[in-house]
Amino acid sequence: MDILDAQVLAFRYMTLTDRRAPDVYRWCRRMLGHRDCRRDCRAVWSDAFGLLVVLIADSETFAAGIARRVAVAERNSTKTELGRAVA
């Protein structure tokens, strides 16, 4: 996957799911083999986004997993919006 597609997918993941930036940052660092540290709690959105883009661009399997999570989040948000429209 090229870097632009990885950035789009990472952006969609960060905005559609309920995962906070420090959680995504910690998760990405664990995927890279690092242990949790105090700095992880202060991670900002751009830190998490940058690591997520690198992991998505590097691994097609990881990218497919993220794409599945984004699809589920989109489907759930559509159901919520439809429920609000009916109510």
PDB file of N, CA and C in Angstrom:
ATOM      1  N   MET A   1       0.859  -1.167   0.000  1.00  0.00           N
ATOM      2  CA  MET A   1       0.000   0.000   0.000  1.00  0.00           C
ATOM      3  C   MET A   1       0.909   1.234   0.000  1.00  0.00           C
ATOM      4  N   ASP A   2       0.574   2.202  -0.841  1.00  0.00           N
ATOM      5  CA  ASP A   2       1.405   3.408  -0.878  1.00  0.00           C
ATOM      6  C   ASP A   2       1.064   4.320   0.303  1.00  0.00           C
ATOM      7  N   ILE A   3       1.901   5.316   0.523  1.00  0.00           N
ATOM      8  CA  ILE A   3       1.811   6.156   1.712  1.00  0.00           C
ATOM      9  C   ILE A   3       0.519   6.978   1.746  1.00  0.00           C
ATOM     10  N   LEU A   4       0.049   7.427   0.593  1.00  0.00           N
ATOM     11  CA  LEU A   4      -1.177   8.228   0.558  1.00  0.00           C
ATOM     12  C   LEU A   4      -2.390   7.397   0.976  1.00  0.00           C
ATOM     13  N   ASP A   5      -2.492   6.179   0.459  1.00  0.00           N
ATOM     14  CA  ASP A   5      -3.586   5.288   0.859  1.00  0.00           C
ATOM     15  C   ASP A   5      -3.491   4.950   2.347  1.00  0.00           C
ATOM     16  N   ALA A   6      -2.272   4.758   2.837  1.00  0.00           N
ATOM     17  CA  ALA A   6      -2.070   4.468   4.256  1.00  0.00           C
ATOM     18  C   ALA A   6      -2.508   5.653   5.111  1.00  0.00           C
ATOM     19  N   GLN A   7      -2.232   6.869   4.672  1.00  0.00           N
ATOM     20  CA  GLN A   7      -2.649   8.050   5.423  1.00  0.00           C
ATOM     21  C   GLN A   7      -4.164   8.181   5.457  1.00  0.00           C
ATOM     22  N   VAL A   8      -4.814   7.913   4.338  1.00  0.00           N
ATOM     23  CA  VAL A   8      -6.274   7.998   4.286  1.00  0.00           C
ATOM     24  C   VAL A   8      -6.895   6.959   5.214  1.00  0.00           C
ATOM     25  N   LEU A   9      -6.392   5.740   5.169  1.00  0.00           N
ATOM     26  CA  LEU A   9      -6.925   4.682   6.018  1.00  0.00           C
ATOM     27  C   LEU A   9      -6.680   4.989   7.495  1.00  0.00           C
ATOM     28  N   ALA A  10      -5.494   5.480   7.822  1.00  0.00           N
ATOM     29  CA  ALA A  10      -5.188   5.834   9.210  1.00  0.00           C
ATOM     30  C   ALA A  10      -6.083   6.970   9.683  1.00  0.00           C
ATOM     31  N   PHE A  11      -6.330   7.957   8.840  1.00  0.00           N
ATOM     32  CA  PHE A  11      -7.198   9.062   9.213  1.00  0.00           C
ATOM     33  C   PHE A  11      -8.621   8.573   9.469  1.00  0.00           C
ATOM     34  N   ARG A  12      -9.106   7.718   8.592  1.00  0.00           N
ATOM     35  CA  ARG A  12     -10.450   7.167   8.771  1.00  0.00           C
ATOM     36  C   ARG A  12     -10.530   6.356  10.068  1.00  0.00           C
ATOM     37  N   TYR A  13      -9.497   5.582  10.366  1.00  0.00           N
ATOM     38  CA  TYR A  13      -9.476   4.791  11.596  1.00  0.00           C
ATOM     39  C   TYR A  13      -9.496   5.704  12.824  1.00  0.00           C
ATOM     40  N   MET A  14      -8.668   6.743  12.797  1.00  0.00           N
ATOM     41  CA  MET A  14      -8.569   7.632  13.957  1.00  0.00           C
ATOM     42  C   MET A  14      -9.848   8.438  14.167  1.00  0.00           C
ATOM     43  N   THR A  15     -10.561   8.752  13.104  1.00  0.00           N
ATOM     44  CA  THR A  15     -11.759   9.579  13.258  1.00  0.00           C
ATOM     45  C   THR A  15     -13.034   8.772  13.441  1.00  0.00           C
ATOM     46  N   LEU A  16     -13.091   7.565  12.908  1.00  0.00           N
ATOM     47  CA  LEU A  16     -14.333   6.783  12.983  1.00  0.00           C
ATOM     48  C   LEU A  16     -14.431   5.883  14.201  1.00  0.00           C
ATOM     49  N   THR A  17     -13.318   5.426  14.717  1.00  0.00           N
ATOM     50  CA  THR A  17     -13.372   4.526  15.867  1.00  0.00           C
ATOM     51  C   THR A  17     -13.320   5.343  17.150  1.00  0.00           C
ATOM     52  N   ASP A  18     -13.631   4.693  18.251  1.00  0.00           N
ATOM     53  CA  ASP A  18     -13.651   5.389  19.532  1.00  0.00           C
ATOM     54  C   ASP A  18     -12.313   5.296  20.266  1.00  0.00           C
ATOM     55  N   ARG A  19     -11.277   4.888  19.576  1.00  0.00           N
ATOM     56  CA  ARG A  19      -9.949   4.781  20.197  1.00  0.00           C
ATOM     57  C   ARG A  19      -9.320   6.163  20.338  1.00  0.00           C
ATOM     58  N   ARG A  20      -8.815   6.469  21.521  1.00  0.00           N
ATOM     59  CA  ARG A  20      -8.138   7.742  21.756  1.00  0.00           C
ATOM     60  C   ARG A  20      -6.693   7.657  21.281  1.00  0.00           C
ATOM     61  N   ALA A  21      -6.104   8.802  21.026  1.00  0.00           N
ATOM     62  CA  ALA A  21      -4.737   8.858  20.490  1.00  0.00           C
ATOM     63  C   ALA A  21      -3.720   8.142  21.383  1.00  0.00           C
ATOM     64  N   PRO A  22      -3.712   8.342  22.710  1.00  0.00           N
ATOM     65  CA  PRO A  22      -2.730   7.605  23.525  1.00  0.00           C
ATOM     66  C   PRO A  22      -2.905   6.093  23.435  1.00  0.00           C
ATOM     67  N   ASP A  23      -4.152   5.623  23.325  1.00  0.00           N
ATOM     68  CA  ASP A  23      -4.401   4.183  23.202  1.00  0.00           C
ATOM     69  C   ASP A  23      -3.852   3.643  21.883  1.00  0.00           C
ATOM     70  N   VAL A  24      -4.088   4.375  20.792  1.00  0.00           N
ATOM     71  CA  VAL A  24      -3.582   3.958  19.482  1.00  0.00           C
ATOM     72  C   VAL A  24      -2.059   3.985  19.479  1.00  0.00           C
ATOM     73  N   TYR A  25      -1.469   5.003  20.080  1.00  0.00           N
ATOM     74  CA  TYR A  25      -0.010   5.116  20.146  1.00  0.00           C
ATOM     75  C   TYR A  25       0.588   3.934  20.910  1.00  0.00           C
ATOM     76  N   ARG A  26       0.006   3.626  22.094  1.00  0.00           N
ATOM     77  CA  ARG A  26       0.488   2.492  22.888  1.00  0.00           C
ATOM     78  C   ARG A  26       0.368   1.180  22.106  1.00  0.00           C
ATOM     79  N   TRP A  27      -0.773   1.004  21.434  1.00  0.00           N
ATOM     80  CA  TRP A  27      -1.014  -0.209  20.662  1.00  0.00           C
ATOM     81  C   TRP A  27       0.011  -0.352  19.538  1.00  0.00           C
ATOM     82  N   CYS A  28       0.288   0.738  18.816  1.00  0.00           N
ATOM     83  CA  CYS A  28       1.267   0.700  17.724  1.00  0.00           C
ATOM     84  C   CYS A  28       2.665   0.399  18.246  1.00  0.00           C
ATOM     85  N   ARG A  29       3.025   0.996  19.382  1.00  0.00           N
ATOM     86  CA  ARG A  29       4.354   0.726  19.953  1.00  0.00           C
ATOM     87  C   ARG A  29       4.480  -0.731  20.389  1.00  0.00           C
ATOM     88  N   ARG A  30       3.406  -1.288  20.939  1.00  0.00           N
ATOM     89  CA  ARG A  30       3.446  -2.708  21.309  1.00  0.00           C
ATOM     90  C   ARG A  30       3.603  -3.579  20.069  1.00  0.00           C
ATOM     91  N   MET A  31       2.957  -3.197  18.977  1.00  0.00           N
ATOM     92  CA  MET A  31       3.099  -3.949  17.718  1.00  0.00           C
ATOM     93  C   MET A  31       4.556  -3.935  17.240  1.00  0.00           C
ATOM     94  N   LEU A  32       5.263  -2.854  17.540  1.00  0.00           N
ATOM     95  CA  LEU A  32       6.663  -2.731  17.137  1.00  0.00           C
ATOM     96  C   LEU A  32       7.621  -3.355  18.149  1.00  0.00           C
ATOM     97  N   GLY A  33       7.080  -3.906  19.243  1.00  0.00           N
ATOM     98  CA  GLY A  33       7.908  -4.605  20.219  1.00  0.00           C
ATOM     99  C   GLY A  33       8.382  -3.767  21.386  1.00  0.00           C
ATOM    100  N   HIS A  34       7.853  -2.559  21.558  1.00  0.00           N
ATOM    101  CA  HIS A  34       8.249  -1.703  22.676  1.00  0.00           C
ATOM    102  C   HIS A  34       7.341  -1.935  23.871  1.00  0.00           C
ATOM    103  N   ARG A  35       7.899  -1.701  25.055  1.00  0.00           N
ATOM    104  CA  ARG A  35       7.077  -1.785  26.262  1.00  0.00           C
ATOM    105  C   ARG A  35       6.409  -0.441  26.506  1.00  0.00           C
ATOM    106  N   ASP A  36       5.320  -0.471  27.281  1.00  0.00           N
ATOM    107  CA  ASP A  36       4.646   0.778  27.639  1.00  0.00           C
ATOM    108  C   ASP A  36       5.568   1.630  28.504  1.00  0.00           C
ATOM    109  N   CYS A  37       5.484   2.929  28.313  1.00  0.00           N
ATOM    110  CA  CYS A  37       6.258   3.842  29.149  1.00  0.00           C
ATOM    111  C   CYS A  37       5.411   5.075  29.449  1.00  0.00           C
ATOM    112  N   ARG A  38       5.893   5.909  30.328  1.00  0.00           N
ATOM    113  CA  ARG A  38       5.131   7.070  30.774  1.00  0.00           C
ATOM    114  C   ARG A  38       4.815   8.023  29.632  1.00  0.00           C
ATOM    115  N   ARG A  39       5.699   8.157  28.661  1.00  0.00           N
ATOM    116  CA  ARG A  39       5.495   9.078  27.547  1.00  0.00           C
ATOM    117  C   ARG A  39       4.261   8.709  26.726  1.00  0.00           C
ATOM    118  N   ASP A  40       3.925   7.429  26.713  1.00  0.00           N
ATOM    119  CA  ASP A  40       2.770   6.971  25.938  1.00  0.00           C
ATOM    120  C   ASP A  40       1.469   7.635  26.384  1.00  0.00           C
ATOM    121  N   CYS A  41       1.383   7.990  27.649  1.00  0.00           N
ATOM    122  CA  CYS A  41       0.169   8.627  28.162  1.00  0.00           C
ATOM    123  C   CYS A  41       0.011  10.053  27.640  1.00  0.00           C
ATOM    124  N   ARG A  42       1.109  10.656  27.196  1.00  0.00           N
ATOM    125  CA  ARG A  42       1.064  12.036  26.717  1.00  0.00           C
ATOM    126  C   ARG A  42       1.108  12.120  25.194  1.00  0.00           C
ATOM    127  N   ALA A  43       0.917  11.016  24.536  1.00  0.00           N
ATOM    128  CA  ALA A  43       0.972  10.995  23.073  1.00  0.00           C
ATOM    129  C   ALA A  43      -0.164  11.835  22.504  1.00  0.00           C
ATOM    130  N   VAL A  44       0.155  12.588  21.483  1.00  0.00           N
ATOM    131  CA  VAL A  44      -0.858  13.406  20.829  1.00  0.00           C
ATOM    132  C   VAL A  44      -1.325  12.701  19.553  1.00  0.00           C
ATOM    133  N   TRP A  45      -2.351  13.276  18.933  1.00  0.00           N
ATOM    134  CA  TRP A  45      -2.969  12.677  17.760  1.00  0.00           C
ATOM    135  C   TRP A  45      -1.954  12.451  16.658  1.00  0.00           C
ATOM    136  N   SER A  46      -1.074  13.406  16.422  1.00  0.00           N
ATOM    137  CA  SER A  46      -0.113  13.281  15.322  1.00  0.00           C
ATOM    138  C   SER A  46       0.890  12.160  15.565  1.00  0.00           C
ATOM    139  N   ASP A  47       1.261  11.909  16.837  1.00  0.00           N
ATOM    140  CA  ASP A  47       2.157  10.796  17.148  1.00  0.00           C
ATOM    141  C   ASP A  47       1.511   9.463  16.777  1.00  0.00           C
ATOM    142  N   ALA A  48       0.264   9.291  17.216  1.00  0.00           N
ATOM    143  CA  ALA A  48      -0.453   8.051  16.935  1.00  0.00           C
ATOM    144  C   ALA A  48      -0.686   7.888  15.436  1.00  0.00           C
ATOM    145  N   PHE A  49      -1.060   8.962  14.780  1.00  0.00           N
ATOM    146  CA  PHE A  49      -1.321   8.923  13.342  1.00  0.00           C
ATOM    147  C   PHE A  49      -0.056   8.527  12.573  1.00  0.00           C
ATOM    148  N   GLY A  50       1.075   9.116  12.926  1.00  0.00           N
ATOM    149  CA  GLY A  50       2.338   8.810  12.248  1.00  0.00           C
ATOM    150  C   GLY A  50       2.727   7.351  12.369  1.00  0.00           C
ATOM    151  N   LEU A  51       2.633   6.797  13.583  1.00  0.00           N
ATOM    152  CA  LEU A  51       2.965   5.380  13.768  1.00  0.00           C
ATOM    153  C   LEU A  51       1.993   4.475  13.027  1.00  0.00           C
ATOM    154  N   LEU A  52       0.722   4.829  13.057  1.00  0.00           N
ATOM    155  CA  LEU A  52      -0.294   4.018  12.385  1.00  0.00           C
ATOM    156  C   LEU A  52      -0.068   4.000  10.878  1.00  0.00           C
ATOM    157  N   VAL A  53       0.299   5.130  10.305  1.00  0.00           N
ATOM    158  CA  VAL A  53       0.577   5.193   8.858  1.00  0.00           C
ATOM    159  C   VAL A  53       1.740   4.282   8.505  1.00  0.00           C
ATOM    160  N   VAL A  54       2.789   4.313   9.303  1.00  0.00           N
ATOM    161  CA  VAL A  54       3.963   3.468   9.027  1.00  0.00           C
ATOM    162  C   VAL A  54       3.585   1.992   9.074  1.00  0.00           C
ATOM    163  N   LEU A  55       2.831   1.596  10.097  1.00  0.00           N
ATOM    164  CA  LEU A  55       2.439   0.190  10.211  1.00  0.00           C
ATOM    165  C   LEU A  55       1.521  -0.242   9.070  1.00  0.00           C
ATOM    166  N   ILE A  56       0.593   0.617   8.688  1.00  0.00           N
ATOM    167  CA  ILE A  56      -0.320   0.283   7.592  1.00  0.00           C
ATOM    168  C   ILE A  56       0.444   0.169   6.276  1.00  0.00           C
ATOM    169  N   ALA A  57       1.345   1.102   6.017  1.00  0.00           N
ATOM    170  CA  ALA A  57       2.100   1.083   4.761  1.00  0.00           C
ATOM    171  C   ALA A  57       3.038  -0.117   4.692  1.00  0.00           C
ATOM    172  N   ASP A  58       3.519  -0.565   5.847  1.00  0.00           N
ATOM    173  CA  ASP A  58       4.501  -1.648   5.885  1.00  0.00           C
ATOM    174  C   ASP A  58       3.882  -3.033   5.756  1.00  0.00           C
ATOM    175  N   SER A  59       2.672  -3.217   6.243  1.00  0.00           N
ATOM    176  CA  SER A  59       2.091  -4.557   6.297  1.00  0.00           C
ATOM    177  C   SER A  59       0.693  -4.583   5.687  1.00  0.00           C
ATOM    178  N   GLU A  60       0.529  -5.353   4.646  1.00  0.00           N
ATOM    179  CA  GLU A  60      -0.791  -5.510   4.013  1.00  0.00           C
ATOM    180  C   GLU A  60      -1.770  -6.210   4.952  1.00  0.00           C
ATOM    181  N   THR A  61      -1.278  -7.145   5.758  1.00  0.00           N
ATOM    182  CA  THR A  61      -2.141  -7.851   6.699  1.00  0.00           C
ATOM    183  C   THR A  61      -2.681  -6.892   7.749  1.00  0.00           C
ATOM    184  N   PHE A  62      -1.798  -6.047   8.287  1.00  0.00           N
ATOM    185  CA  PHE A  62      -2.214  -5.047   9.271  1.00  0.00           C
ATOM    186  C   PHE A  62      -3.200  -4.063   8.639  1.00  0.00           C
ATOM    187  N   ALA A  63      -2.922  -3.651   7.412  1.00  0.00           N
ATOM    188  CA  ALA A  63      -3.810  -2.723   6.702  1.00  0.00           C
ATOM    189  C   ALA A  63      -5.194  -3.335   6.503  1.00  0.00           C
ATOM    190  N   ALA A  64      -5.235  -4.629   6.191  1.00  0.00           N
ATOM    191  CA  ALA A  64      -6.529  -5.299   6.007  1.00  0.00           C
ATOM    192  C   ALA A  64      -7.315  -5.327   7.314  1.00  0.00           C
ATOM    193  N   GLY A  65      -6.636  -5.557   8.427  1.00  0.00           N
ATOM    194  CA  GLY A  65      -7.298  -5.542   9.735  1.00  0.00           C
ATOM    195  C   GLY A  65      -7.854  -4.167  10.067  1.00  0.00           C
ATOM    196  N   ILE A  66      -7.085  -3.128   9.776  1.00  0.00           N
ATOM    197  CA  ILE A  66      -7.549  -1.758  10.024  1.00  0.00           C
ATOM    198  C   ILE A  66      -8.735  -1.441   9.110  1.00  0.00           C
ATOM    199  N   ALA A  67      -8.663  -1.868   7.856  1.00  0.00           N
ATOM    200  CA  ALA A  67      -9.762  -1.621   6.918  1.00  0.00           C
ATOM    201  C   ALA A  67     -11.048  -2.294   7.401  1.00  0.00           C
ATOM    202  N   ARG A  68     -10.930  -3.508   7.967  1.00  0.00           N
ATOM    203  CA  ARG A  68     -12.107  -4.188   8.519  1.00  0.00           C
ATOM    204  C   ARG A  68     -12.688  -3.405   9.692  1.00  0.00           C
ATOM    205  N   ARG A  69     -11.820  -2.902  10.566  1.00  0.00           N
ATOM    206  CA  ARG A  69     -12.298  -2.123  11.715  1.00  0.00           C
ATOM    207  C   ARG A  69     -12.982  -0.833  11.267  1.00  0.00           C
ATOM    208  N   VAL A  70     -12.437  -0.200  10.232  1.00  0.00           N
ATOM    209  CA  VAL A  70     -13.045   1.026   9.703  1.00  0.00           C
ATOM    210  C   VAL A  70     -14.411   0.712   9.106  1.00  0.00           C
ATOM    211  N   ALA A  71     -14.520  -0.398   8.368  1.00  0.00           N
ATOM    212  CA  ALA A  71     -15.798  -0.783   7.768  1.00  0.00           C
ATOM    213  C   ALA A  71     -16.852  -1.033   8.845  1.00  0.00           C
ATOM    214  N   VAL A  72     -16.477  -1.690   9.927  1.00  0.00           N
ATOM    215  CA  VAL A  72     -17.409  -1.950  11.030  1.00  0.00           C
ATOM    216  C   VAL A  72     -17.829  -0.633  11.678  1.00  0.00           C
ATOM    217  N   ALA A  73     -16.875   0.266  11.895  1.00  0.00           N
ATOM    218  CA  ALA A  73     -17.194   1.562  12.510  1.00  0.00           C
ATOM    219  C   ALA A  73     -18.125   2.375  11.608  1.00  0.00           C
ATOM    220  N   GLU A  74     -17.894   2.326  10.301  1.00  0.00           N
ATOM    221  CA  GLU A  74     -18.779   3.033   9.368  1.00  0.00           C
ATOM    222  C   GLU A  74     -20.184   2.443   9.391  1.00  0.00           C
ATOM    223  N   ARG A  75     -20.261   1.125   9.412  1.00  0.00           N
ATOM    224  CA  ARG A  75     -21.554   0.449   9.443  1.00  0.00           C
ATOM    225  C   ARG A  75     -22.304   0.799  10.733  1.00  0.00           C
ATOM    226  N   ASN A  76     -21.595   0.816  11.864  1.00  0.00           N
ATOM    227  CA  ASN A  76     -22.233   1.152  13.139  1.00  0.00           C
ATOM    228  C   ASN A  76     -22.680   2.607  13.182  1.00  0.00           C
ATOM    229  N   SER A  77     -21.885   3.503  12.613  1.00  0.00           N
ATOM    230  CA  SER A  77     -22.283   4.915  12.622  1.00  0.00           C
ATOM    231  C   SER A  77     -23.485   5.143  11.705  1.00  0.00           C
ATOM    232  N   THR A  78     -23.572   4.391  10.616  1.00  0.00           N
ATOM    233  CA  THR A  78     -24.729   4.496   9.718  1.00  0.00           C
ATOM    234  C   THR A  78     -25.988   4.007  10.419  1.00  0.00           C
ATOM    235  N   LYS A  79     -25.885   2.903  11.157  1.00  0.00           N
ATOM    236  CA  LYS A  79     -27.035   2.393  11.901  1.00  0.00           C
ATOM    237  C   LYS A  79     -27.493   3.408  12.938  1.00  0.00           C
ATOM    238  N   THR A  80     -26.538   4.053  13.607  1.00  0.00           N
ATOM    239  CA  THR A  80     -26.887   5.056  14.613  1.00  0.00           C
ATOM    240  C   THR A  80     -27.587   6.245  13.971  1.00  0.00           C
ATOM    241  N   GLU A  81     -27.089   6.696  12.825  1.00  0.00           N
ATOM    242  CA  GLU A  81     -27.706   7.823  12.145  1.00  0.00           C
ATOM    243  C   GLU A  81     -29.110   7.479  11.648  1.00  0.00           C
ATOM    244  N   LEU A  82     -29.289   6.258  11.153  1.00  0.00           N
ATOM    245  CA  LEU A  82     -30.625   5.827  10.726  1.00  0.00           C
ATOM    246  C   LEU A  82     -31.579   5.761  11.902  1.00  0.00           C
ATOM    247  N   GLY A  83     -31.098   5.297  13.043  1.00  0.00           N
ATOM    248  CA  GLY A  83     -31.923   5.239  14.236  1.00  0.00           C
ATOM    249  C   GLY A  83     -32.359   6.615  14.695  1.00  0.00           C
ATOM    250  N   ARG A  84     -31.482   7.587  14.565  1.00  0.00           N
ATOM    251  CA  ARG A  84     -31.836   8.957  14.948  1.00  0.00           C
ATOM    252  C   ARG A  84     -32.863   9.547  13.973  1.00  0.00           C
ATOM    253  N   ALA A  85     -32.738   9.194  12.705  1.00  0.00           N
ATOM    254  CA  ALA A  85     -33.662   9.730  11.710  1.00  0.00           C
ATOM    255  C   ALA A  85     -35.076   9.179  11.909  1.00  0.00           C
ATOM    256  N   VAL A  86     -35.163   7.918  12.323  1.00  0.00           N
ATOM    257  CA  VAL A  86     -36.473   7.293  12.534  1.00  0.00           C
ATOM    258  C   VAL A  86     -37.126   7.835  13.789  1.00  0.00           C
ATOM    259  N   ALA A  87     -36.314   8.089  14.820  1.00  0.00           N
ATOM    260  CA  ALA A  87     -36.859   8.541  16.128  1.00  0.00           C
ATOM    261  C   ALA A  87     -37.345   9.924  16.107  1.00  0.00           C
TER     262      ALA A  87
END
